[in-house]
Structure formats: C-alpha cells, structure tokens
PDB file of N, CA and C in Angstrom:
ATOM      1  N   UNK A   1      15.212   0.179  10.228  1.00  0.00           N
ATOM      2  CA  UNK A   1      14.241   1.362  10.545  1.00  0.00           C
ATOM      3  C   UNK A   1      13.259   1.744   9.525  1.00  0.00           C
ATOM      4  N   UNK A   2      12.161   2.013  10.183  1.00  0.00           N
ATOM      5  CA  UNK A   2      10.857   2.295   9.256  1.00  0.00           C
ATOM      6  C   UNK A   2      10.815   3.685   9.475  1.00  0.00           C
ATOM      7  N   UNK A   3      10.556   4.560   8.430  1.00  0.00           N
ATOM      8  CA  UNK A   3      10.428   5.934   8.446  1.00  0.00           C
ATOM      9  C   UNK A   3       9.031   6.172   7.816  1.00  0.00           C
ATOM     10  N   UNK A   4       8.033   6.757   8.456  1.00  0.00           N
ATOM     11  CA  UNK A   4       6.746   7.073   7.978  1.00  0.00           C
ATOM     12  C   UNK A   4       6.139   8.378   8.511  1.00  0.00           C
ATOM     13  N   UNK A   5       5.330   9.053   7.722  1.00  0.00           N
ATOM     14  CA  UNK A   5       4.526  10.105   8.139  1.00  0.00           C
ATOM     15  C   UNK A   5       3.023   9.821   8.189  1.00  0.00           C
ATOM     16  N   UNK A   6       2.145  10.451   9.016  1.00  0.00           N
ATOM     17  CA  UNK A   6       1.100  10.326   9.105  1.00  0.00           C
ATOM     18  C   UNK A   6       0.350   8.811   9.062  1.00  0.00           C
ATOM     19  N   UNK A   7      -0.306   8.619   8.250  1.00  0.00           N
ATOM     20  CA  UNK A   7      -0.690   6.966   8.325  1.00  0.00           C
ATOM     21  C   UNK A   7      -0.008   6.272   7.168  1.00  0.00           C
ATOM     22  N   UNK A   8       1.300   6.683   6.916  1.00  0.00           N
ATOM     23  CA  UNK A   8       2.191   5.975   6.040  1.00  0.00           C
ATOM     24  C   UNK A   8       2.409   4.258   6.464  1.00  0.00           C
ATOM     25  N   UNK A   9       2.337   4.137   7.807  1.00  0.00           N
ATOM     26  CA  UNK A   9       2.579   2.871   8.291  1.00  0.00           C
ATOM     27  C   UNK A   9       1.581   1.940   7.838  1.00  0.00           C
ATOM     28  N   UNK A  10       0.377   2.317   7.423  1.00  0.00           N
ATOM     29  CA  UNK A  10      -0.557   1.563   6.754  1.00  0.00           C
ATOM     30  C   UNK A  10      -0.122   0.757   5.598  1.00  0.00           C
ATOM     31  N   UNK A  11       0.939   1.198   4.803  1.00  0.00           N
ATOM     32  CA  UNK A  11       1.528   0.518   3.731  1.00  0.00           C
ATOM     33  C   UNK A  11       2.101  -0.888   3.989  1.00  0.00           C
ATOM     34  N   UNK A  12       2.396  -1.222   5.484  1.00  0.00           N
ATOM     35  CA  UNK A  12       3.004  -2.371   6.058  1.00  0.00           C
ATOM     36  C   UNK A  12       1.856  -3.088   6.480  1.00  0.00           C
ATOM     37  N   UNK A  13       1.017  -2.315   7.356  1.00  0.00           N
ATOM     38  CA  UNK A  13      -0.137  -2.857   8.262  1.00  0.00           C
ATOM     39  C   UNK A  13      -1.288  -3.645   7.213  1.00  0.00           C
ATOM     40  N   UNK A  14      -1.475  -3.033   5.945  1.00  0.00           N
ATOM     41  CA  UNK A  14      -2.634  -3.526   5.309  1.00  0.00           C
ATOM     42  C   UNK A  14      -2.114  -4.981   4.654  1.00  0.00           C
ATOM     43  N   UNK A  15      -1.048  -4.781   4.038  1.00  0.00           N
ATOM     44  CA  UNK A  15      -0.536  -6.409   3.476  1.00  0.00           C
ATOM     45  C   UNK A  15      -0.338  -7.509   4.539  1.00  0.00           C
ATOM     46  N   UNK A  16      -0.148  -7.054   5.768  1.00  0.00           N
ATOM     47  CA  UNK A  16      -0.002  -7.974   6.812  1.00  0.00           C
ATOM     48  C   UNK A  16      -1.300  -8.544   7.139  1.00  0.00           C
ATOM     49  N   UNK A  17      -2.113  -7.530   7.434  1.00  0.00           N
ATOM     50  CA  UNK A  17      -3.592  -7.970   7.726  1.00  0.00           C
ATOM     51  C   UNK A  17      -4.247  -9.006   6.801  1.00  0.00           C
ATOM     52  N   UNK A  18      -4.152  -8.524   5.544  1.00  0.00           N
ATOM     53  CA  UNK A  18      -4.583  -9.252   4.394  1.00  0.00           C
ATOM     54  C   UNK A  18      -3.925 -10.753   4.350  1.00  0.00           C
ATOM     55  N   UNK A  19      -2.723 -10.672   4.592  1.00  0.00           N
ATOM     56  CA  UNK A  19      -1.901 -12.004   4.634  1.00  0.00           C
ATOM     57  C   UNK A  19      -2.333 -12.915   5.713  1.00  0.00           C
ATOM     58  N   UNK A  20      -2.703 -12.452   6.759  1.00  0.00           N
ATOM     59  CA  UNK A  20      -3.213 -13.240   8.079  1.00  0.00           C
ATOM     60  C   UNK A  20      -4.633 -13.629   7.714  1.00  0.00           C
ATOM     61  N   UNK A  21      -5.525 -12.938   6.942  1.00  0.00           N
ATOM     62  CA  UNK A  21      -6.782 -13.384   6.756  1.00  0.00           C
ATOM     63  C   UNK A  21      -6.752 -14.336   5.579  1.00  0.00           C
ATOM     64  N   UNK A  22      -5.857 -14.250   4.385  1.00  0.00           N
ATOM     65  CA  UNK A  22      -5.696 -15.213   3.309  1.00  0.00           C
ATOM     66  C   UNK A  22      -5.339 -16.504   4.042  1.00  0.00           C
ATOM     67  N   UNK A  23      -4.152 -16.432   4.853  1.00  0.00           N
ATOM     68  CA  UNK A  23      -3.510 -17.608   5.384  1.00  0.00           C
ATOM     69  C   UNK A  23      -4.712 -18.474   6.226  1.00  0.00           C
ATOM     70  N   UNK A  24      -5.492 -17.705   7.083  1.00  0.00           N
ATOM     71  CA  UNK A  24      -6.476 -18.307   7.797  1.00  0.00           C
ATOM     72  C   UNK A  24      -7.534 -18.937   7.163  1.00  0.00           C
ATOM     73  N   UNK A  25      -8.154 -18.381   6.002  1.00  0.00           N
ATOM     74  CA  UNK A  25      -8.941 -19.022   5.101  1.00  0.00           C
ATOM     75  C   UNK A  25      -8.524 -20.183   4.415  1.00  0.00           C
ATOM     76  N   UNK A  26      -7.275 -19.886   3.945  1.00  0.00           N
ATOM     77  CA  UNK A  26      -6.712 -21.205   3.305  1.00  0.00           C
ATOM     78  C   UNK A  26      -6.482 -22.395   4.118  1.00  0.00           C
ATOM     79  N   UNK A  27      -6.059 -22.160   5.337  1.00  0.00           N
ATOM     80  CA  UNK A  27      -6.014 -23.179   6.340  1.00  0.00           C
ATOM     81  C   UNK A  27      -7.361 -23.920   6.839  1.00  0.00           C
ATOM     82  N   UNK A  28      -8.312 -23.041   6.941  1.00  0.00           N
ATOM     83  CA  UNK A  28      -9.510 -23.551   7.228  1.00  0.00           C
ATOM     84  C   UNK A  28     -10.258 -24.257   6.088  1.00  0.00           C
ATOM     85  N   UNK A  29      -9.914 -24.081   4.976  1.00  0.00           N
ATOM     86  CA  UNK A  29     -10.267 -24.712   3.663  1.00  0.00           C
ATOM     87  C   UNK A  29      -9.463 -25.999   3.475  1.00  0.00           C
ATOM     88  N   UNK A  30      -8.249 -26.286   4.132  1.00  0.00           N
ATOM     89  CA  UNK A  30      -7.389 -27.187   3.782  1.00  0.00           C
ATOM     90  C   UNK A  30      -6.553 -27.091   2.592  1.00  0.00           C
ATOM     91  N   UNK A  31      -6.370 -25.912   2.374  1.00  0.00           N
ATOM     92  CA  UNK A  31      -5.543 -25.665   1.084  1.00  0.00           C
ATOM     93  C   UNK A  31      -3.899 -25.189   1.438  1.00  0.00           C
ATOM     94  N   UNK A  32      -3.438 -25.806   2.323  1.00  0.00           N
ATOM     95  CA  UNK A  32      -2.237 -25.231   2.866  1.00  0.00           C
ATOM     96  C   UNK A  32      -1.135 -25.962   1.872  1.00  0.00           C
ATOM     97  N   UNK A  33      -1.459 -26.759   0.993  1.00  0.00           N
ATOM     98  CA  UNK A  33      -0.472 -27.468   0.139  1.00  0.00           C
ATOM     99  C   UNK A  33      -0.178 -26.688  -1.124  1.00  0.00           C
ATOM    100  N   UNK A  34      -0.829 -25.463  -1.481  1.00  0.00           N
ATOM    101  CA  UNK A  34      -0.888 -24.959  -2.749  1.00  0.00           C
ATOM    102  C   UNK A  34       0.391 -24.211  -2.672  1.00  0.00           C
ATOM    103  N   UNK A  35       0.823 -23.775  -3.937  1.00  0.00           N
ATOM    104  CA  UNK A  35       2.130 -22.878  -4.124  1.00  0.00           C
ATOM    105  C   UNK A  35       1.967 -21.444  -3.339  1.00  0.00           C
ATOM    106  N   UNK A  36       2.850 -21.418  -2.457  1.00  0.00           N
ATOM    107  CA  UNK A  36       2.786 -20.152  -1.447  1.00  0.00           C
ATOM    108  C   UNK A  36       2.836 -18.910  -2.220  1.00  0.00           C
ATOM    109  N   UNK A  37       3.281 -19.060  -3.411  1.00  0.00           N
ATOM    110  CA  UNK A  37       3.411 -17.717  -4.158  1.00  0.00           C
ATOM    111  C   UNK A  37       2.162 -17.078  -4.582  1.00  0.00           C
ATOM    112  N   UNK A  38       1.089 -17.982  -4.941  1.00  0.00           N
ATOM    113  CA  UNK A  38      -0.125 -17.435  -5.408  1.00  0.00           C
ATOM    114  C   UNK A  38      -0.899 -16.683  -4.446  1.00  0.00           C
ATOM    115  N   UNK A  39      -1.076 -17.299  -3.171  1.00  0.00           N
ATOM    116  CA  UNK A  39      -1.751 -16.239  -2.052  1.00  0.00           C
ATOM    117  C   UNK A  39      -0.892 -15.202  -1.942  1.00  0.00           C
ATOM    118  N   UNK A  40       0.290 -15.034  -1.911  1.00  0.00           N
ATOM    119  CA  UNK A  40       1.145 -13.920  -1.554  1.00  0.00           C
ATOM    120  C   UNK A  40       0.828 -12.971  -2.902  1.00  0.00           C
ATOM    121  N   UNK A  41       0.782 -13.478  -4.033  1.00  0.00           N
ATOM    122  CA  UNK A  41       0.453 -12.451  -5.203  1.00  0.00           C
ATOM    123  C   UNK A  41      -0.868 -11.970  -4.905  1.00  0.00           C
ATOM    124  N   UNK A  42      -1.772 -12.695  -4.459  1.00  0.00           N
ATOM    125  CA  UNK A  42      -3.119 -12.056  -4.251  1.00  0.00           C
ATOM    126  C   UNK A  42      -3.007 -11.345  -3.126  1.00  0.00           C
ATOM    127  N   UNK A  43      -2.298 -11.288  -2.206  1.00  0.00           N
ATOM    128  CA  UNK A  43      -2.115 -10.337  -1.134  1.00  0.00           C
ATOM    129  C   UNK A  43      -1.553  -9.016  -1.713  1.00  0.00           C
ATOM    130  N   UNK A  44      -0.546  -9.117  -2.477  1.00  0.00           N
ATOM    131  CA  UNK A  44       0.068  -7.933  -2.998  1.00  0.00           C
ATOM    132  C   UNK A  44      -0.709  -7.236  -3.888  1.00  0.00           C
ATOM    133  N   UNK A  45      -1.507  -7.771  -4.731  1.00  0.00           N
ATOM    134  CA  UNK A  45      -2.394  -7.151  -5.578  1.00  0.00           C
ATOM    135  C   UNK A  45      -3.656  -6.418  -5.006  1.00  0.00           C
ATOM    136  N   UNK A  46      -4.159  -7.204  -3.832  1.00  0.00           N
ATOM    137  CA  UNK A  46      -5.473  -6.710  -3.267  1.00  0.00           C
ATOM    138  C   UNK A  46      -5.048  -5.483  -2.396  1.00  0.00           C
ATOM    139  N   UNK A  47      -3.895  -5.513  -1.554  1.00  0.00           N
ATOM    140  CA  UNK A  47      -3.344  -4.432  -0.764  1.00  0.00           C
ATOM    141  C   UNK A  47      -2.897  -3.406  -1.765  1.00  0.00           C
ATOM    142  N   UNK A  48      -2.305  -3.699  -2.917  1.00  0.00           N
ATOM    143  CA  UNK A  48      -1.910  -2.543  -3.833  1.00  0.00           C
ATOM    144  C   UNK A  48      -3.056  -1.473  -3.997  1.00  0.00           C
ATOM    145  N   UNK A  49      -4.155  -2.254  -4.501  1.00  0.00           N
ATOM    146  CA  UNK A  49      -5.373  -1.403  -4.698  1.00  0.00           C
ATOM    147  C   UNK A  49      -5.951  -0.864  -3.664  1.00  0.00           C
ATOM    148  N   UNK A  50      -6.043  -1.357  -2.445  1.00  0.00           N
ATOM    149  CA  UNK A  50      -6.430  -0.666  -1.326  1.00  0.00           C
ATOM    150  C   UNK A  50      -5.546   0.482  -0.965  1.00  0.00           C
ATOM    151  N   UNK A  51      -4.142   0.365  -1.004  1.00  0.00           N
ATOM    152  CA  UNK A  51      -3.341   1.280  -0.641  1.00  0.00           C
ATOM    153  C   UNK A  51      -3.294   2.458  -1.580  1.00  0.00           C
ATOM    154  N   UNK A  52      -3.422   2.202  -2.769  1.00  0.00           N
ATOM    155  CA  UNK A  52      -3.527   3.277  -3.854  1.00  0.00           C
ATOM    156  C   UNK A  52      -4.902   4.321  -3.553  1.00  0.00           C
ATOM    157  N   UNK A  53      -5.957   3.616  -3.486  1.00  0.00           N
ATOM    158  CA  UNK A  53      -7.190   4.476  -3.244  1.00  0.00           C
ATOM    159  C   UNK A  53      -7.065   5.174  -2.030  1.00  0.00           C
ATOM    160  N   UNK A  54      -6.817   4.399  -0.734  1.00  0.00           N
ATOM    161  CA  UNK A  54      -6.561   4.969   0.768  1.00  0.00           C
ATOM    162  C   UNK A  54      -5.535   6.068   0.750  1.00  0.00           C
ATOM    163  N   UNK A  55      -4.485   5.911   0.097  1.00  0.00           N
ATOM    164  CA  UNK A  55      -3.394   6.938  -0.133  1.00  0.00           C
ATOM    165  C   UNK A  55      -4.053   8.382  -1.058  1.00  0.00           C
ATOM    166  N   UNK A  56      -4.640   7.908  -2.064  1.00  0.00           N
ATOM    167  CA  UNK A  56      -5.065   9.288  -2.713  1.00  0.00           C
ATOM    168  C   UNK A  56      -6.041   9.858  -2.019  1.00  0.00           C
ATOM    169  N   UNK A  57      -6.889   9.120  -1.149  1.00  0.00           N
ATOM    170  CA  UNK A  57      -7.999   9.702  -0.462  1.00  0.00           C
ATOM    171  C   UNK A  57      -7.393  10.662   0.879  1.00  0.00           C
ATOM    172  N   UNK A  58      -6.386   9.771   1.426  1.00  0.00           N
ATOM    173  CA  UNK A  58      -5.818  10.643   2.624  1.00  0.00           C
ATOM    174  C   UNK A  58      -4.922  11.744   2.115  1.00  0.00           C
ATOM    175  N   UNK A  59      -4.148  11.673   1.163  1.00  0.00           N
ATOM    176  CA  UNK A  59      -3.394  12.873   0.760  1.00  0.00           C
ATOM    177  C   UNK A  59      -4.145  13.881  -0.002  1.00  0.00           C
ATOM    178  N   UNK A  60      -5.317  13.517  -0.577  1.00  0.00           N
ATOM    179  CA  UNK A  60      -6.001  14.817  -1.151  1.00  0.00           C
ATOM    180  C   UNK A  60      -6.512  15.536   0.132  1.00  0.00           C
ATOM    181  N   UNK A  61      -6.805  15.007   1.339  1.00  0.00           N
ATOM    182  CA  UNK A  61      -7.154  15.881   2.322  1.00  0.00           C
ATOM    183  C   UNK A  61      -6.221  16.876   2.997  1.00  0.00           C
ATOM    184  N   UNK A  62      -5.065  16.467   2.800  1.00  0.00           N
ATOM    185  CA  UNK A  62      -3.959  17.319   3.191  1.00  0.00           C
ATOM    186  C   UNK A  62      -3.289  18.278   2.248  1.00  0.00           C
ATOM    187  N   UNK A  63      -4.254  18.844   1.297  1.00  0.00           N
ATOM    188  CA  UNK A  63      -3.715  19.638   0.407  1.00  0.00           C
ATOM    189  C   UNK A  63      -4.011  20.992   0.545  1.00  0.00           C
ATOM    190  N   UNK A  64      -4.318  21.603   1.631  1.00  0.00           N
ATOM    191  CA  UNK A  64      -4.769  22.742   1.802  1.00  0.00           C
ATOM    192  C   UNK A  64      -3.462  23.952   1.662  1.00  0.00           C
ATOM    193  N   UNK A  65      -3.446  24.763   0.723  1.00  0.00           N
ATOM    194  CA  UNK A  65      -2.547  25.616   0.435  1.00  0.00           C
ATOM    195  C   UNK A  65      -2.535  27.001   0.761  1.00  0.00           C
ATOM    196  N   UNK A  66      -1.717  27.519   1.475  1.00  0.00           N
ATOM    197  CA  UNK A  66      -1.727  28.756   2.049  1.00  0.00           C
ATOM    198  C   UNK A  66      -0.802  29.753   1.285  1.00  0.00           C
ATOM    199  N   UNK A  67      -1.053  30.909   1.039  1.00  0.00           N
ATOM    200  CA  UNK A  67      -0.258  31.817   0.346  1.00  0.00           C
ATOM    201  C   UNK A  67       0.163  33.179   1.379  1.00  0.00           C
ATOM    202  N   UNK A  68       1.408  33.083   1.299  1.00  0.00           N
ATOM    203  CA  UNK A  68       2.083  34.300   2.190  1.00  0.00           C
ATOM    204  C   UNK A  68       1.892  35.542   1.177  1.00  0.00           C
ATOM    205  N   UNK A  69       1.110  36.627   1.747  1.00  0.00           N
ATOM    206  CA  UNK A  69       0.715  37.718   1.060  1.00  0.00           C
ATOM    207  C   UNK A  69       2.120  38.653   0.778  1.00  0.00           C
ATOM    208  N   UNK A  70       3.095  38.603   1.637  1.00  0.00           N
ATOM    209  CA  UNK A  70       4.068  39.487   1.537  1.00  0.00           C
ATOM    210  C   UNK A  70       5.169  39.011   0.493  1.00  0.00           C
ATOM    211  N   UNK A  71       5.431  37.553   0.501  1.00  0.00           N
ATOM    212  CA  UNK A  71       6.364  37.148  -0.234  1.00  0.00           C
ATOM    213  C   UNK A  71       5.779  36.393  -1.565  1.00  0.00           C
ATOM    214  N   UNK A  72       4.500  36.047  -1.645  1.00  0.00           N
ATOM    215  CA  UNK A  72       3.731  35.337  -2.560  1.00  0.00           C
ATOM    216  C   UNK A  72       4.184  33.688  -2.585  1.00  0.00           C
ATOM    217  N   UNK A  73       4.782  33.326  -1.667  1.00  0.00           N
ATOM    218  CA  UNK A  73       5.182  31.963  -1.495  1.00  0.00           C
ATOM    219  C   UNK A  73       3.926  31.028  -1.039  1.00  0.00           C
ATOM    220  N   UNK A  74       3.936  29.753  -1.626  1.00  0.00           N
ATOM    221  CA  UNK A  74       2.785  29.026  -1.360  1.00  0.00           C
ATOM    222  C   UNK A  74       3.363  27.861  -0.321  1.00  0.00           C
ATOM    223  N   UNK A  75       2.455  27.728   0.538  1.00  0.00           N
ATOM    224  CA  UNK A  75       2.639  26.727   1.543  1.00  0.00           C
ATOM    225  C   UNK A  75       1.805  25.442   1.692  1.00  0.00           C
ATOM    226  N   UNK A  76       2.013  24.274   1.645  1.00  0.00           N
ATOM    227  CA  UNK A  76       1.153  23.223   1.757  1.00  0.00           C
ATOM    228  C   UNK A  76       1.031  22.990   3.181  1.00  0.00           C
ATOM    229  N   UNK A  77      -0.315  22.923   3.705  1.00  0.00           N
ATOM    230  CA  UNK A  77      -0.605  22.465   4.914  1.00  0.00           C
ATOM    231  C   UNK A  77      -1.195  21.245   5.160  1.00  0.00           C
ATOM    232  N   UNK A  78      -1.047  20.518   6.243  1.00  0.00           N
ATOM    233  CA  UNK A  78      -1.566  19.408   6.344  1.00  0.00           C
ATOM    234  C   UNK A  78      -0.614  18.308   6.682  1.00  0.00           C
ATOM    235  N   UNK A  79      -0.924  16.991   6.941  1.00  0.00           N
ATOM    236  CA  UNK A  79       0.102  15.918   7.073  1.00  0.00           C
ATOM    237  C   UNK A  79       0.116  15.141   5.808  1.00  0.00           C
ATOM    238  N   UNK A  80       1.222  14.870   5.355  1.00  0.00           N
ATOM    239  CA  UNK A  80       1.572  14.047   4.196  1.00  0.00           C
ATOM    240  C   UNK A  80       1.601  12.568   4.658  1.00  0.00           C
ATOM    241  N   UNK A  81       1.044  11.538   3.940  1.00  0.00           N
ATOM    242  CA  UNK A  81       0.978  10.260   4.475  1.00  0.00           C
ATOM    243  C   UNK A  81       2.044   9.604   3.548  1.00  0.00           C
ATOM    244  N   UNK A  82       3.108   9.217   4.125  1.00  0.00           N
ATOM    245  CA  UNK A  82       4.211   8.578   3.292  1.00  0.00           C
ATOM    246  C   UNK A  82       4.952   7.473   4.013  1.00  0.00           C
ATOM    247  N   UNK A  83       5.747   6.689   3.349  1.00  0.00           N
ATOM    248  CA  UNK A  83       6.519   5.541   3.876  1.00  0.00           C
ATOM    249  C   UNK A  83       7.883   5.716   3.219  1.00  0.00           C
ATOM    250  N   UNK A  84       8.922   5.835   3.907  1.00  0.00           N
ATOM    251  CA  UNK A  84      10.381   6.120   3.263  1.00  0.00           C
ATOM    252  C   UNK A  84      10.362   7.349   2.514  1.00  0.00           C
ATOM    253  N   UNK A  85       9.557   8.220   2.689  1.00  0.00           N
ATOM    254  CA  UNK A  85       9.471   9.631   2.122  1.00  0.00           C
ATOM    255  C   UNK A  85       8.776   9.436   0.525  1.00  0.00           C
ATOM    256  N   UNK A  86       8.179   8.465   0.410  1.00  0.00           N
ATOM    257  CA  UNK A  86       7.507   8.105  -0.804  1.00  0.00           C
ATOM    258  C   UNK A  86       5.913   8.378  -0.359  1.00  0.00           C
ATOM    259  N   UNK A  87       5.099   9.152  -1.170  1.00  0.00           N
ATOM    260  CA  UNK A  87       3.867   9.253  -0.762  1.00  0.00           C
ATOM    261  C   UNK A  87       2.864   8.000  -0.930  1.00  0.00           C
ATOM    262  N   UNK A  88       2.023   7.898  -0.014  1.00  0.00           N
ATOM    263  CA  UNK A  88       1.314   6.508   0.317  1.00  0.00           C
ATOM    264  C   UNK A  88       0.743   5.778  -0.975  1.00  0.00           C
ATOM    265  N   UNK A  89       0.199   6.813  -1.738  1.00  0.00           N
ATOM    266  CA  UNK A  89      -0.502   6.144  -3.056  1.00  0.00           C
ATOM    267  C   UNK A  89       0.519   5.644  -4.100  1.00  0.00           C
ATOM    268  N   UNK A  90       1.808   6.039  -3.977  1.00  0.00           N
ATOM    269  CA  UNK A  90       2.702   5.443  -4.840  1.00  0.00           C
ATOM    270  C   UNK A  90       2.994   3.869  -4.555  1.00  0.00           C
ATOM    271  N   UNK A  91       2.887   3.454  -3.413  1.00  0.00           N
ATOM    272  CA  UNK A  91       3.118   2.175  -2.895  1.00  0.00           C
ATOM    273  C   UNK A  91       2.149   1.168  -3.550  1.00  0.00           C
ATOM    274  N   UNK A  92       0.971   1.560  -3.893  1.00  0.00           N
ATOM    275  CA  UNK A  92      -0.114   0.751  -4.411  1.00  0.00           C
ATOM    276  C   UNK A  92       0.416   0.133  -5.758  1.00  0.00           C
ATOM    277  N   UNK A  93       1.018   0.793  -6.900  1.00  0.00           N
ATOM    278  CA  UNK A  93       1.537   0.089  -7.911  1.00  0.00           C
ATOM    279  C   UNK A  93       2.691  -0.939  -7.633  1.00  0.00           C
ATOM    280  N   UNK A  94       3.302  -0.424  -6.719  1.00  0.00           N
ATOM    281  CA  UNK A  94       4.532  -1.254  -6.286  1.00  0.00           C
ATOM    282  C   UNK A  94       4.033  -2.730  -5.997  1.00  0.00           C
ATOM    283  N   UNK A  95       2.824  -2.680  -5.127  1.00  0.00           N
ATOM    284  CA  UNK A  95       2.222  -4.078  -4.733  1.00  0.00           C
ATOM    285  C   UNK A  95       1.631  -4.662  -6.067  1.00  0.00           C
ATOM    286  N   UNK A  96       1.014  -4.088  -6.775  1.00  0.00           N
ATOM    287  CA  UNK A  96       0.535  -4.423  -7.979  1.00  0.00           C
ATOM    288  C   UNK A  96       1.596  -5.302  -8.829  1.00  0.00           C
ATOM    289  N   UNK A  97       2.629  -4.496  -9.204  1.00  0.00           N
ATOM    290  CA  UNK A  97       3.676  -5.101  -9.852  1.00  0.00           C
ATOM    291  C   UNK A  97       4.326  -6.508  -9.272  1.00  0.00           C
ATOM    292  N   UNK A  98       4.493  -6.376  -7.917  1.00  0.00           N
ATOM    293  CA  UNK A  98       5.028  -7.527  -7.198  1.00  0.00           C
ATOM    294  C   UNK A  98       3.838  -8.850  -7.349  1.00  0.00           C
ATOM    295  N   UNK A  99       2.876  -8.459  -7.392  1.00  0.00           N
ATOM    296  CA  UNK A  99       1.724  -9.272  -7.335  1.00  0.00           C
ATOM    297  C   UNK A  99       1.687 -10.227  -8.718  1.00  0.00           C
ATOM    298  N   UNK A 100       1.676  -9.056  -9.687  1.00  0.00           N
ATOM    299  CA  UNK A 100       1.650  -9.771 -11.006  1.00  0.00           C
ATOM    300  C   UNK A 100       2.985 -10.562 -11.471  1.00  0.00           C
ATOM    301  N   UNK A 101       4.166 -10.149 -10.991  1.00  0.00           N
ATOM    302  CA  UNK A 101       5.508 -10.785 -11.065  1.00  0.00           C
ATOM    303  C   UNK A 101       5.266 -12.412 -10.443  1.00  0.00           C
ATOM    304  N   UNK A 102       4.847 -12.250  -9.100  1.00  0.00           N
ATOM    305  CA  UNK A 102       4.639 -13.412  -8.583  1.00  0.00           C
ATOM    306  C   UNK A 102       3.599 -14.558  -9.165  1.00  0.00           C
ATOM    307  N   UNK A 103       2.466 -13.898  -9.798  1.00  0.00           N
ATOM    308  CA  UNK A 103       1.729 -14.650 -10.639  1.00  0.00           C
ATOM    309  C   UNK A 103       2.164 -15.214 -11.893  1.00  0.00           C
ATOM    310  N   UNK A 104       3.153 -14.385 -12.587  1.00  0.00           N
ATOM    311  CA  UNK A 104       3.566 -14.939 -13.679  1.00  0.00           C
ATOM    312  C   UNK A 104       4.748 -15.964 -13.409  1.00  0.00           C
ATOM    313  N   UNK A 105       5.472 -15.643 -12.355  1.00  0.00           N
ATOM    314  CA  UNK A 105       6.386 -16.678 -11.824  1.00  0.00           C
ATOM    315  C   UNK A 105       5.743 -18.071 -11.507  1.00  0.00           C
ATOM    316  N   UNK A 106       4.616 -18.006 -10.921  1.00  0.00           N
ATOM    317  CA  UNK A 106       3.906 -19.319 -10.621  1.00  0.00           C
ATOM    318  C   UNK A 106       3.425 -19.866 -11.665  1.00  0.00           C
ATOM    319  N   UNK A 107       2.794 -19.154 -12.661  1.00  0.00           N
ATOM    320  CA  UNK A 107       2.255 -19.807 -14.013  1.00  0.00           C
ATOM    321  C   UNK A 107       3.559 -20.370 -14.903  1.00  0.00           C
ATOM    322  N   UNK A 108       4.513 -19.845 -14.831  1.00  0.00           N
ATOM    323  CA  UNK A 108       5.622 -20.448 -15.725  1.00  0.00           C
ATOM    324  C   UNK A 108       6.893 -21.182 -15.120  1.00  0.00           C
ATOM    325  N   UNK A 109       6.540 -21.736 -13.961  1.00  0.00           N
ATOM    326  CA  UNK A 109       7.345 -22.607 -13.175  1.00  0.00           C
ATOM    327  C   UNK A 109       6.877 -23.888 -12.806  1.00  0.00           C
TER     328      UNK A 109
END
C-alpha cells in the first residue's frame, strides 16, 4: 500500500517516466546490451534532483501559518506533499544516494 499526501505520488511517477524515456532512447540507439545498472543510476540521479527542487517548491507554497489569537497556537495551513509521511523533497537525496551507489557498483565490478 502506498501512502501519499498532495503530489507526493510524483516521487514514484517521475522516476518511472524518466526510466521509460531513458529505455526508449537506449533501445533506439541500439545500446540495449550495456550494463543495466548505469541507466538506472542515471534515472535515480536525475529524478533525485528533479524531486528535490519540485518538492521544495511545492512544500514552500503550503507554508501559510495562522495564529489563534486566544491560545497563541500556530497552525500550518495548506497541503503537505509527502510519500510515506516523509516530505517530498527529502526523497531527492535518497535517489541521489541510490544513483551514486549504483554508479560505484558498476565501476568496481
């Protein structure tokens, strides 16, 4: 089961779309025989950068804070964009780390 709020589902959609585009480009160029970890690393790195910037932009817009005059409590208004209760922009570095691990694994094997 996938749990998301707002546009948090884009954390899954963006890498999927980039993977389809990269696969189509590689197959049209006849490069299907290269190690599959390298294109996957590219997908994770590019999608990590996109998700970081998109998540920061989307979550910055949802930062309106209202103050209750009677109690002095602060309420954050707007939709938070998250996947599995983790804000969207924190998934960007996860993609980067996975991409770099796959790159290093490809180089040293």
